[in-house]
Amino acid sequence: MNAIKLNGLTELKARENLSAIPTLVQQHLDMGEKPQTEGKHFRIVVKHDWESVHNHGCAYYNELRIEKNAGGSWQKVYSTGRLKYRGAYANDIDDWSLNFIRASILEESESEVTYGVTDGERGVTVYRFSESRPAVVTRFDLKGYQKTAERVKLLETVLKDPTQFRKYAENLSLGGKWGLYGEDPFAFDNEGKAVEDVAQAHLIVLPLSHPDRDYDAIIDSYRIFVWLRGVGIGESGPLPSGLHHPGGRFYFVGLGFKAAVMMEKSRPQLKVVAYNNDQHWQNTHDFLLKP
């Protein structure tokens, strides 16, 4: 039997590190949806492009160019080149960090320009361009910052309010595409009996799943998160699934879950079953909760 360690409020708070937003990143964010992209000496141009592939999807590209004012006309002095951030084929691995969502000029002089870029992963990078190539000034994970801020806020109530646990789990920075894919939490009372009203739960079991790609995907791994009222939150760590790609197109191979609780001298034991009937696969896990 495997153990799941439950972390209390002190331990959960100690894990969080809400770093300050760098000044130049904040300046970029403060410009909103219509940032300054043209200055007296430089301008930033983002060009988006796409390419259709017969019997498949569309590949999406973009390019970021820096242009310099040369006596009243704009001349290109730097280009990222045409970067593909989303492929046309289902088995392509998309890289949304290469998608330039928003750019802004932050500082400039006759010889250099400092600019910020928000990418498709909600990361912000500030660059300084002079001579021939830009150099990174700072990078900031805005998505991670926002998730951390939400978790810190939820920590004040989450161990007492079971309705907040799902939101807390969804804001964990696990990387990749971890999330809930149609699965509701399993809620139990203090005797281990299932209850429909999550607000009345003494214990909650919440599976999170991970698809291997954006389209025609399978769930390749999953985690089991547990909430115990007034005690703490714990998780199993990633567990591999035994699913495989069936071939063809336009499919999503997911998992179903079953959960049961046995209260043993106030130390709950869990039995969780992950399964997919179409592929005749299932795996059973027994967990002991340790405060």
C-alpha atoms as a PDB file:
ATOM      1  CA  MET A   1       0.000   0.000   0.000  1.00  0.00           C
ATOM      2  CA  ASN A   2       1.351   3.422  -0.994  1.00  0.00           C
ATOM      3  CA  ALA A   3       1.128   6.462   1.266  1.00  0.00           C
ATOM      4  CA  ILE A   4      -0.078   9.962   0.471  1.00  0.00           C
ATOM      5  CA  LYS A   5       1.368  12.610   2.771  1.00  0.00           C
ATOM      6  CA  LEU A   6      -1.125  15.288   3.774  1.00  0.00           C
ATOM      7  CA  ASN A   7       0.386  18.756   4.044  1.00  0.00           C
ATOM      8  CA  GLY A   8      -1.186  21.166   6.524  1.00  0.00           C
ATOM      9  CA  LEU A   9      -1.567  24.912   6.208  1.00  0.00           C
ATOM     10  CA  THR A  10       1.953  25.701   7.463  1.00  0.00           C
ATOM     11  CA  GLU A  11       3.539  23.314   4.953  1.00  0.00           C
ATOM     12  CA  LEU A  12       1.328  24.494   2.094  1.00  0.00           C
ATOM     13  CA  LYS A  13       2.168  28.148   2.755  1.00  0.00           C
ATOM     14  CA  ALA A  14       5.883  27.353   2.950  1.00  0.00           C
ATOM     15  CA  ARG A  15       5.747  25.949  -0.588  1.00  0.00           C
ATOM     16  CA  GLU A  16       4.492  29.178  -2.091  1.00  0.00           C
ATOM     17  CA  ASN A  17       6.813  31.882  -3.379  1.00  0.00           C
ATOM     18  CA  LEU A  18       4.993  34.851  -4.868  1.00  0.00           C
ATOM     19  CA  SER A  19       7.884  36.701  -6.458  1.00  0.00           C
ATOM     20  CA  ALA A  20       7.681  40.402  -7.266  1.00  0.00           C
ATOM     21  CA  ILE A  21       6.919  41.391 -10.847  1.00  0.00           C
ATOM     22  CA  PRO A  22      10.009  43.061 -12.392  1.00  0.00           C
ATOM     23  CA  THR A  23       9.538  46.770 -13.146  1.00  0.00           C
ATOM     24  CA  LEU A  24       9.931  46.451 -16.924  1.00  0.00           C
ATOM     25  CA  VAL A  25       7.523  43.484 -17.023  1.00  0.00           C
ATOM     26  CA  GLN A  26       4.952  45.497 -15.059  1.00  0.00           C
ATOM     27  CA  GLN A  27       5.447  48.399 -17.462  1.00  0.00           C
ATOM     28  CA  HIS A  28       4.688  46.045 -20.360  1.00  0.00           C
ATOM     29  CA  LEU A  29       1.586  44.648 -18.613  1.00  0.00           C
ATOM     30  CA  ASP A  30       0.288  48.120 -17.748  1.00  0.00           C
ATOM     31  CA  MET A  31       0.040  48.969 -21.442  1.00  0.00           C
ATOM     32  CA  GLY A  32      -2.928  46.601 -21.755  1.00  0.00           C
ATOM     33  CA  GLU A  33      -4.252  45.316 -25.066  1.00  0.00           C
ATOM     34  CA  LYS A  34      -3.084  48.289 -27.160  1.00  0.00           C
ATOM     35  CA  PRO A  35       0.606  48.749 -26.287  1.00  0.00           C
ATOM     36  CA  GLN A  36       3.002  51.168 -27.888  1.00  0.00           C
ATOM     37  CA  THR A  37       4.768  49.406 -30.752  1.00  0.00           C
ATOM     38  CA  GLU A  38       6.179  52.416 -32.592  1.00  0.00           C
ATOM     39  CA  GLY A  39       8.594  54.913 -31.137  1.00  0.00           C
ATOM     40  CA  LYS A  40      10.661  57.748 -32.486  1.00  0.00           C
ATOM     41  CA  HIS A  41      13.613  55.547 -33.456  1.00  0.00           C
ATOM     42  CA  PHE A  42      12.297  51.954 -33.527  1.00  0.00           C
ATOM     43  CA  ARG A  43       9.135  49.997 -34.102  1.00  0.00           C
ATOM     44  CA  ILE A  44       8.159  46.381 -33.415  1.00  0.00           C
ATOM     45  CA  VAL A  45       6.143  44.524 -36.046  1.00  0.00           C
ATOM     46  CA  VAL A  46       4.540  41.121 -35.482  1.00  0.00           C
ATOM     47  CA  LYS A  47       3.328  39.323 -38.584  1.00  0.00           C
ATOM     48  CA  HIS A  48       1.088  36.243 -38.287  1.00  0.00           C
ATOM     49  CA  ASP A  49       0.801  33.632 -41.010  1.00  0.00           C
ATOM     50  CA  TRP A  50      -0.844  30.246 -41.580  1.00  0.00           C
ATOM     51  CA  GLU A  51      -0.605  27.350 -43.977  1.00  0.00           C
ATOM     52  CA  SER A  52      -3.336  24.806 -44.724  1.00  0.00           C
ATOM     53  CA  VAL A  53      -2.371  21.136 -45.148  1.00  0.00           C
ATOM     54  CA  HIS A  54      -4.719  19.021 -47.259  1.00  0.00           C
ATOM     55  CA  ASN A  55      -6.766  16.548 -45.174  1.00  0.00           C
ATOM     56  CA  HIS A  56      -5.187  17.875 -41.994  1.00  0.00           C
ATOM     57  CA  GLY A  57      -5.321  21.186 -40.153  1.00  0.00           C
ATOM     58  CA  CYS A  58      -3.552  24.493 -40.423  1.00  0.00           C
ATOM     59  CA  ALA A  59      -0.031  25.275 -39.363  1.00  0.00           C
ATOM     60  CA  TYR A  60       0.359  28.664 -37.698  1.00  0.00           C
ATOM     61  CA  TYR A  61       3.442  30.860 -37.820  1.00  0.00           C
ATOM     62  CA  ASN A  62       4.538  34.302 -36.731  1.00  0.00           C
ATOM     63  CA  GLU A  63       7.512  36.590 -37.091  1.00  0.00           C
ATOM     64  CA  LEU A  64       8.725  39.467 -34.950  1.00  0.00           C
ATOM     65  CA  ARG A  65      10.662  42.202 -36.707  1.00  0.00           C
ATOM     66  CA  ILE A  66      12.508  45.225 -35.362  1.00  0.00           C
ATOM     67  CA  GLU A  67      12.583  48.175 -37.727  1.00  0.00           C
ATOM     68  CA  LYS A  68      14.622  51.364 -37.369  1.00  0.00           C
ATOM     69  CA  ASN A  69      13.740  54.834 -38.537  1.00  0.00           C
ATOM     70  CA  ALA A  70      16.241  55.798 -41.219  1.00  0.00           C
ATOM     71  CA  GLY A  71      15.520  59.334 -42.285  1.00  0.00           C
ATOM     72  CA  GLY A  72      11.742  58.935 -42.411  1.00  0.00           C
ATOM     73  CA  SER A  73      11.549  55.363 -43.717  1.00  0.00           C
ATOM     74  CA  TRP A  74      11.543  52.128 -41.706  1.00  0.00           C
ATOM     75  CA  GLN A  75      14.270  49.575 -42.369  1.00  0.00           C
ATOM     76  CA  LYS A  76      14.360  46.052 -40.950  1.00  0.00           C
ATOM     77  CA  VAL A  77      17.320  45.541 -38.609  1.00  0.00           C
ATOM     78  CA  TYR A  78      16.298  42.211 -37.021  1.00  0.00           C
ATOM     79  CA  SER A  79      13.857  39.360 -37.569  1.00  0.00           C
ATOM     80  CA  THR A  80      13.125  36.165 -35.648  1.00  0.00           C
ATOM     81  CA  GLY A  81      12.281  34.504 -38.933  1.00  0.00           C
ATOM     82  CA  ARG A  82       9.042  32.647 -39.603  1.00  0.00           C
ATOM     83  CA  LEU A  83       8.451  30.536 -36.484  1.00  0.00           C
ATOM     84  CA  LYS A  84       5.909  27.712 -36.359  1.00  0.00           C
ATOM     85  CA  TYR A  85       4.129  27.544 -33.018  1.00  0.00           C
ATOM     86  CA  ARG A  86       1.292  25.203 -34.010  1.00  0.00           C
ATOM     87  CA  GLY A  87       1.571  22.291 -36.420  1.00  0.00           C
ATOM     88  CA  ALA A  88      -1.011  21.076 -38.909  1.00  0.00           C
ATOM     89  CA  TYR A  89      -0.740  17.402 -37.943  1.00  0.00           C
ATOM     90  CA  ALA A  90      -2.280  15.870 -34.837  1.00  0.00           C
ATOM     91  CA  ASN A  91       1.059  14.406 -33.720  1.00  0.00           C
ATOM     92  CA  ASP A  92       2.866  17.743 -33.982  1.00  0.00           C
ATOM     93  CA  ILE A  93       4.059  19.150 -30.672  1.00  0.00           C
ATOM     94  CA  ASP A  94       2.830  22.740 -30.439  1.00  0.00           C
ATOM     95  CA  ASP A  95       5.138  25.327 -28.892  1.00  0.00           C
ATOM     96  CA  TRP A  96       2.981  28.226 -27.785  1.00  0.00           C
ATOM     97  CA  SER A  97       5.971  29.981 -26.249  1.00  0.00           C
ATOM     98  CA  LEU A  98       6.886  30.877 -29.857  1.00  0.00           C
ATOM     99  CA  ASN A  99       3.540  32.615 -30.388  1.00  0.00           C
ATOM    100  CA  PHE A 100       3.930  36.381 -30.047  1.00  0.00           C
ATOM    101  CA  ILE A 101       0.665  37.578 -28.538  1.00  0.00           C
ATOM    102  CA  ARG A 102       1.624  41.145 -27.699  1.00  0.00           C
ATOM    103  CA  ALA A 103       4.744  43.308 -28.011  1.00  0.00           C
ATOM    104  CA  SER A 104       5.513  46.752 -26.631  1.00  0.00           C
ATOM    105  CA  ILE A 105       8.324  49.295 -26.720  1.00  0.00           C
ATOM    106  CA  LEU A 106       9.435  50.115 -23.184  1.00  0.00           C
ATOM    107  CA  GLU A 107      12.520  52.315 -23.672  1.00  0.00           C
ATOM    108  CA  GLU A 108      14.490  53.531 -26.680  1.00  0.00           C
ATOM    109  CA  SER A 109      17.352  55.700 -27.771  1.00  0.00           C
ATOM    110  CA  GLU A 110      18.907  56.316 -31.159  1.00  0.00           C
ATOM    111  CA  SER A 111      21.027  53.182 -30.857  1.00  0.00           C
ATOM    112  CA  GLU A 112      18.916  50.660 -28.874  1.00  0.00           C
ATOM    113  CA  VAL A 113      15.408  49.653 -27.923  1.00  0.00           C
ATOM    114  CA  THR A 114      14.042  47.716 -24.951  1.00  0.00           C
ATOM    115  CA  TYR A 115      10.811  45.848 -25.636  1.00  0.00           C
ATOM    116  CA  GLY A 116       8.546  43.292 -24.003  1.00  0.00           C
ATOM    117  CA  VAL A 117       6.786  40.288 -25.532  1.00  0.00           C
ATOM    118  CA  THR A 118       3.916  38.224 -24.121  1.00  0.00           C
ATOM    119  CA  ASP A 119       3.825  34.701 -25.543  1.00  0.00           C
ATOM    120  CA  GLY A 120       1.104  32.082 -25.887  1.00  0.00           C
ATOM    121  CA  GLU A 121       2.110  30.442 -22.594  1.00  0.00           C
ATOM    122  CA  ARG A 122       1.519  33.757 -20.780  1.00  0.00           C
ATOM    123  CA  GLY A 123       5.214  34.270 -20.285  1.00  0.00           C
ATOM    124  CA  VAL A 124       6.675  37.763 -20.584  1.00  0.00           C
ATOM    125  CA  THR A 125      10.206  38.315 -21.873  1.00  0.00           C
ATOM    126  CA  VAL A 126      11.932  41.686 -21.986  1.00  0.00           C
ATOM    127  CA  TYR A 127      14.669  42.137 -24.587  1.00  0.00           C
ATOM    128  CA  ARG A 128      17.205  44.877 -25.311  1.00  0.00           C
ATOM    129  CA  PHE A 129      18.229  45.272 -28.951  1.00  0.00           C
ATOM    130  CA  SER A 130      21.370  47.080 -30.033  1.00  0.00           C
ATOM    131  CA  GLU A 131      23.665  46.549 -32.996  1.00  0.00           C
ATOM    132  CA  SER A 132      22.546  43.228 -34.528  1.00  0.00           C
ATOM    133  CA  ARG A 133      20.731  40.949 -32.033  1.00  0.00           C
ATOM    134  CA  PRO A 134      18.470  41.267 -28.993  1.00  0.00           C
ATOM    135  CA  ALA A 135      19.595  40.101 -25.557  1.00  0.00           C
ATOM    136  CA  VAL A 136      17.260  38.888 -22.822  1.00  0.00           C
ATOM    137  CA  VAL A 137      16.901  41.356 -19.954  1.00  0.00           C
ATOM    138  CA  THR A 138      14.439  39.349 -17.878  1.00  0.00           C
ATOM    139  CA  ARG A 139      11.850  36.589 -18.181  1.00  0.00           C
ATOM    140  CA  PHE A 140       8.707  36.298 -16.074  1.00  0.00           C
ATOM    141  CA  ASP A 141       6.204  33.449 -15.832  1.00  0.00           C
ATOM    142  CA  LEU A 142       2.960  35.416 -15.639  1.00  0.00           C
ATOM    143  CA  LYS A 143       0.820  32.270 -15.811  1.00  0.00           C
ATOM    144  CA  GLY A 144       2.672  30.717 -12.872  1.00  0.00           C
ATOM    145  CA  TYR A 145       2.507  33.994 -10.936  1.00  0.00           C
ATOM    146  CA  GLN A 146      -1.264  34.242 -11.397  1.00  0.00           C
ATOM    147  CA  LYS A 147      -1.773  30.621 -10.351  1.00  0.00           C
ATOM    148  CA  THR A 148       0.403  31.114  -7.271  1.00  0.00           C
ATOM    149  CA  ALA A 149      -1.493  34.274  -6.319  1.00  0.00           C
ATOM    150  CA  GLU A 150      -4.779  32.390  -6.609  1.00  0.00           C
ATOM    151  CA  ARG A 151      -3.486  29.497  -4.479  1.00  0.00           C
ATOM    152  CA  VAL A 152      -2.182  31.871  -1.788  1.00  0.00           C
ATOM    153  CA  LYS A 153      -5.615  33.483  -1.649  1.00  0.00           C
ATOM    154  CA  LEU A 154      -7.379  30.117  -1.439  1.00  0.00           C
ATOM    155  CA  LEU A 155      -5.098  28.815   1.314  1.00  0.00           C
ATOM    156  CA  GLU A 156      -6.895  30.958   3.868  1.00  0.00           C
ATOM    157  CA  THR A 157     -10.087  28.932   3.460  1.00  0.00           C
ATOM    158  CA  VAL A 158      -9.383  25.766   1.470  1.00  0.00           C
ATOM    159  CA  LEU A 159      -8.802  23.387   4.414  1.00  0.00           C
ATOM    160  CA  LYS A 160     -12.140  24.384   5.922  1.00  0.00           C
ATOM    161  CA  ASP A 161     -14.183  24.845   2.743  1.00  0.00           C
ATOM    162  CA  PRO A 162     -14.305  21.775   0.468  1.00  0.00           C
ATOM    163  CA  THR A 163     -15.903  23.766  -2.359  1.00  0.00           C
ATOM    164  CA  GLN A 164     -12.564  25.606  -2.782  1.00  0.00           C
ATOM    165  CA  PHE A 165     -10.441  22.469  -3.196  1.00  0.00           C
ATOM    166  CA  ARG A 166     -11.184  21.898  -6.863  1.00  0.00           C
ATOM    167  CA  LYS A 167     -10.200  25.483  -7.684  1.00  0.00           C
ATOM    168  CA  TYR A 168      -7.012  25.097  -5.625  1.00  0.00           C
ATOM    169  CA  ALA A 169      -6.027  21.887  -7.455  1.00  0.00           C
ATOM    170  CA  GLU A 170      -6.682  23.433 -10.876  1.00  0.00           C
ATOM    171  CA  ASN A 171      -4.326  26.312 -10.013  1.00  0.00           C
ATOM    172  CA  LEU A 172      -1.390  24.086  -9.113  1.00  0.00           C
ATOM    173  CA  SER A 173       1.604  24.707 -11.365  1.00  0.00           C
ATOM    174  CA  LEU A 174       2.143  21.160 -12.583  1.00  0.00           C
ATOM    175  CA  GLY A 175       3.414  22.043 -16.043  1.00  0.00           C
ATOM    176  CA  GLY A 176       1.997  20.808 -19.318  1.00  0.00           C
ATOM    177  CA  LYS A 177      -1.724  20.243 -19.768  1.00  0.00           C
ATOM    178  CA  TRP A 178      -2.754  18.845 -16.388  1.00  0.00           C
ATOM    179  CA  GLY A 179      -6.423  19.358 -15.616  1.00  0.00           C
ATOM    180  CA  LEU A 180      -9.874  17.938 -15.016  1.00  0.00           C
ATOM    181  CA  TYR A 181     -11.267  16.211 -18.078  1.00  0.00           C
ATOM    182  CA  GLY A 182     -14.906  15.569 -17.259  1.00  0.00           C
ATOM    183  CA  GLU A 183     -14.247  14.006 -13.860  1.00  0.00           C
ATOM    184  CA  ASP A 184     -16.087  15.318 -10.781  1.00  0.00           C
ATOM    185  CA  PRO A 185     -14.604  15.079  -7.285  1.00  0.00           C
ATOM    186  CA  PHE A 186     -15.459  12.041  -5.165  1.00  0.00           C
ATOM    187  CA  ALA A 187     -16.800  13.251  -1.806  1.00  0.00           C
ATOM    188  CA  PHE A 188     -17.100  11.207   1.411  1.00  0.00           C
ATOM    189  CA  ASP A 189     -18.319  11.830   4.955  1.00  0.00           C
ATOM    190  CA  ASN A 190     -16.360  11.079   8.139  1.00  0.00           C
ATOM    191  CA  GLU A 191     -17.500   7.447   8.027  1.00  0.00           C
ATOM    192  CA  GLY A 192     -16.283   6.902   4.483  1.00  0.00           C
ATOM    193  CA  LYS A 193     -19.733   6.991   2.873  1.00  0.00           C
ATOM    194  CA  ALA A 194     -20.132   8.762  -0.446  1.00  0.00           C
ATOM    195  CA  VAL A 195     -22.011  12.076  -0.366  1.00  0.00           C
ATOM    196  CA  GLU A 196     -23.363  14.053  -3.327  1.00  0.00           C
ATOM    197  CA  ASP A 197     -22.969  17.516  -1.786  1.00  0.00           C
ATOM    198  CA  VAL A 198     -19.277  18.440  -1.893  1.00  0.00           C
ATOM    199  CA  ALA A 199     -19.915  21.175   0.682  1.00  0.00           C
ATOM    200  CA  GLN A 200     -20.677  18.449   3.255  1.00  0.00           C
ATOM    201  CA  ALA A 201     -17.548  16.419   2.508  1.00  0.00           C
ATOM    202  CA  HIS A 202     -15.069  15.307   5.133  1.00  0.00           C
ATOM    203  CA  LEU A 203     -12.738  13.846   2.495  1.00  0.00           C
ATOM    204  CA  ILE A 204     -12.423  14.504  -1.239  1.00  0.00           C
ATOM    205  CA  VAL A 205     -10.636  12.447  -3.891  1.00  0.00           C
ATOM    206  CA  LEU A 206      -9.888  14.387  -7.079  1.00  0.00           C
ATOM    207  CA  PRO A 207      -8.170  12.826 -10.127  1.00  0.00           C
ATOM    208  CA  LEU A 208      -6.261  15.106 -12.502  1.00  0.00           C
ATOM    209  CA  SER A 209      -5.258  13.871 -15.947  1.00  0.00           C
ATOM    210  CA  HIS A 210      -2.604  14.741 -18.524  1.00  0.00           C
ATOM    211  CA  PRO A 211      -3.170  14.450 -22.311  1.00  0.00           C
ATOM    212  CA  ASP A 212      -0.083  13.777 -24.380  1.00  0.00           C
ATOM    213  CA  ARG A 213      -0.857  16.389 -27.041  1.00  0.00           C
ATOM    214  CA  ASP A 214      -3.427  18.973 -28.113  1.00  0.00           C
ATOM    215  CA  TYR A 215      -5.312  16.943 -30.730  1.00  0.00           C
ATOM    216  CA  ASP A 216      -6.066  13.226 -31.237  1.00  0.00           C
ATOM    217  CA  ALA A 217      -4.784  12.744 -27.707  1.00  0.00           C
ATOM    218  CA  ILE A 218      -4.694  10.050 -25.074  1.00  0.00           C
ATOM    219  CA  ILE A 219      -4.410  10.529 -21.319  1.00  0.00           C
ATOM    220  CA  ASP A 220      -0.864   9.306 -20.750  1.00  0.00           C
ATOM    221  CA  SER A 221      -0.707   9.934 -16.980  1.00  0.00           C
ATOM    222  CA  TYR A 222      -2.830  10.964 -14.013  1.00  0.00           C
ATOM    223  CA  ARG A 223      -2.557  12.046 -10.376  1.00  0.00           C
ATOM    224  CA  ILE A 224      -4.759  11.483  -7.358  1.00  0.00           C
ATOM    225  CA  PHE A 225      -5.284  14.529  -5.134  1.00  0.00           C
ATOM    226  CA  VAL A 226      -6.817  14.216  -1.672  1.00  0.00           C
ATOM    227  CA  TRP A 227      -8.360  16.785   0.677  1.00  0.00           C
ATOM    228  CA  LEU A 228      -9.088  15.970   4.334  1.00  0.00           C
ATOM    229  CA  ARG A 229     -11.119  18.540   6.259  1.00  0.00           C
ATOM    230  CA  GLY A 230      -9.020  20.598   8.643  1.00  0.00           C
ATOM    231  CA  VAL A 231      -5.970  18.361   8.168  1.00  0.00           C
ATOM    232  CA  GLY A 232      -4.354  18.885   4.786  1.00  0.00           C
ATOM    233  CA  ILE A 233      -3.931  18.233   1.080  1.00  0.00           C
ATOM    234  CA  GLY A 234      -1.821  15.535  -0.575  1.00  0.00           C
ATOM    235  CA  GLU A 235      -1.232  13.918  -3.941  1.00  0.00           C
ATOM    236  CA  SER A 236       0.031  10.680  -5.378  1.00  0.00           C
ATOM    237  CA  GLY A 237       2.448  12.079  -7.918  1.00  0.00           C
ATOM    238  CA  PRO A 238       2.140  11.205 -11.640  1.00  0.00           C
ATOM    239  CA  LEU A 239       0.978   7.680 -12.502  1.00  0.00           C
ATOM    240  CA  PRO A 240       1.345   6.291 -16.047  1.00  0.00           C
ATOM    241  CA  SER A 241      -1.710   5.073 -17.921  1.00  0.00           C
ATOM    242  CA  GLY A 242      -1.720   2.047 -20.194  1.00  0.00           C
ATOM    243  CA  LEU A 243      -3.645   3.723 -23.005  1.00  0.00           C
ATOM    244  CA  HIS A 244      -2.570   3.749 -26.626  1.00  0.00           C
ATOM    245  CA  HIS A 245      -3.416   5.742 -29.735  1.00  0.00           C
ATOM    246  CA  PRO A 246      -6.118   3.900 -31.717  1.00  0.00           C
ATOM    247  CA  GLY A 247      -5.220   5.405 -35.073  1.00  0.00           C
ATOM    248  CA  GLY A 248      -7.468   7.491 -37.263  1.00  0.00           C
ATOM    249  CA  ARG A 249      -8.396  11.075 -36.480  1.00  0.00           C
ATOM    250  CA  PHE A 250     -10.605  13.232 -34.287  1.00  0.00           C
ATOM    251  CA  TYR A 251     -10.444  11.202 -31.088  1.00  0.00           C
ATOM    252  CA  PHE A 252      -9.728  11.690 -27.414  1.00  0.00           C
ATOM    253  CA  VAL A 253      -8.978   8.622 -25.285  1.00  0.00           C
ATOM    254  CA  GLY A 254      -9.692   9.477 -21.673  1.00  0.00           C
ATOM    255  CA  LEU A 255      -9.979   7.762 -18.320  1.00  0.00           C
ATOM    256  CA  GLY A 256     -12.764   7.014 -15.918  1.00  0.00           C
ATOM    257  CA  PHE A 257     -12.213   6.728 -12.172  1.00  0.00           C
ATOM    258  CA  LYS A 258     -13.815   5.010  -9.207  1.00  0.00           C
ATOM    259  CA  ALA A 259     -12.981   5.745  -5.581  1.00  0.00           C
ATOM    260  CA  ALA A 260     -13.833   4.212  -2.221  1.00  0.00           C
ATOM    261  CA  VAL A 261     -12.781   5.107   1.342  1.00  0.00           C
ATOM    262  CA  MET A 262     -12.365   2.959   4.421  1.00  0.00           C
ATOM    263  CA  MET A 263     -11.935   4.732   7.758  1.00  0.00           C
ATOM    264  CA  GLU A 264      -9.440   2.771   9.859  1.00  0.00           C
ATOM    265  CA  LYS A 265      -8.944   4.302  13.320  1.00  0.00           C
ATOM    266  CA  SER A 266      -9.409   7.772  11.813  1.00  0.00           C
ATOM    267  CA  ARG A 267      -6.698   7.073   9.232  1.00  0.00           C
ATOM    268  CA  PRO A 268      -8.470   6.862   5.894  1.00  0.00           C
ATOM    269  CA  GLN A 269      -7.465   4.290   3.317  1.00  0.00           C
ATOM    270  CA  LEU A 270      -8.332   4.900  -0.324  1.00  0.00           C
ATOM    271  CA  LYS A 271      -8.957   2.548  -3.188  1.00  0.00           C
ATOM    272  CA  VAL A 272      -8.869   4.310  -6.546  1.00  0.00           C
ATOM    273  CA  VAL A 273      -9.459   2.586  -9.875  1.00  0.00           C
ATOM    274  CA  ALA A 274      -8.451   4.230 -13.167  1.00  0.00           C
ATOM    275  CA  TYR A 275      -9.924   2.564 -16.252  1.00  0.00           C
ATOM    276  CA  ASN A 276     -10.859   2.732 -19.915  1.00  0.00           C
ATOM    277  CA  ASN A 277     -13.383   0.118 -20.978  1.00  0.00           C
ATOM    278  CA  ASP A 278     -12.885   0.557 -24.725  1.00  0.00           C
ATOM    279  CA  GLN A 279      -9.200  -0.351 -24.441  1.00  0.00           C
ATOM    280  CA  HIS A 280      -9.828  -2.956 -21.694  1.00  0.00           C
ATOM    281  CA  TRP A 281      -7.380  -1.272 -19.357  1.00  0.00           C
ATOM    282  CA  GLN A 282      -7.565  -0.535 -15.655  1.00  0.00           C
ATOM    283  CA  ASN A 283      -5.264  -0.032 -12.710  1.00  0.00           C
ATOM    284  CA  THR A 284      -6.104  -0.172  -8.996  1.00  0.00           C
ATOM    285  CA  HIS A 285      -4.295   1.850  -6.343  1.00  0.00           C
ATOM    286  CA  ASP A 286      -4.473   1.551  -2.554  1.00  0.00           C
ATOM    287  CA  PHE A 287      -3.371   4.579  -0.566  1.00  0.00           C
ATOM    288  CA  LEU A 288      -2.933   5.236   3.135  1.00  0.00           C
ATOM    289  CA  LEU A 289      -3.265   8.877   4.162  1.00  0.00           C
ATOM    290  CA  LYS A 290      -0.582  10.154   6.519  1.00  0.00           C
ATOM    291  CA  PRO A 291      -0.985  13.542   8.244  1.00  0.00           C
END
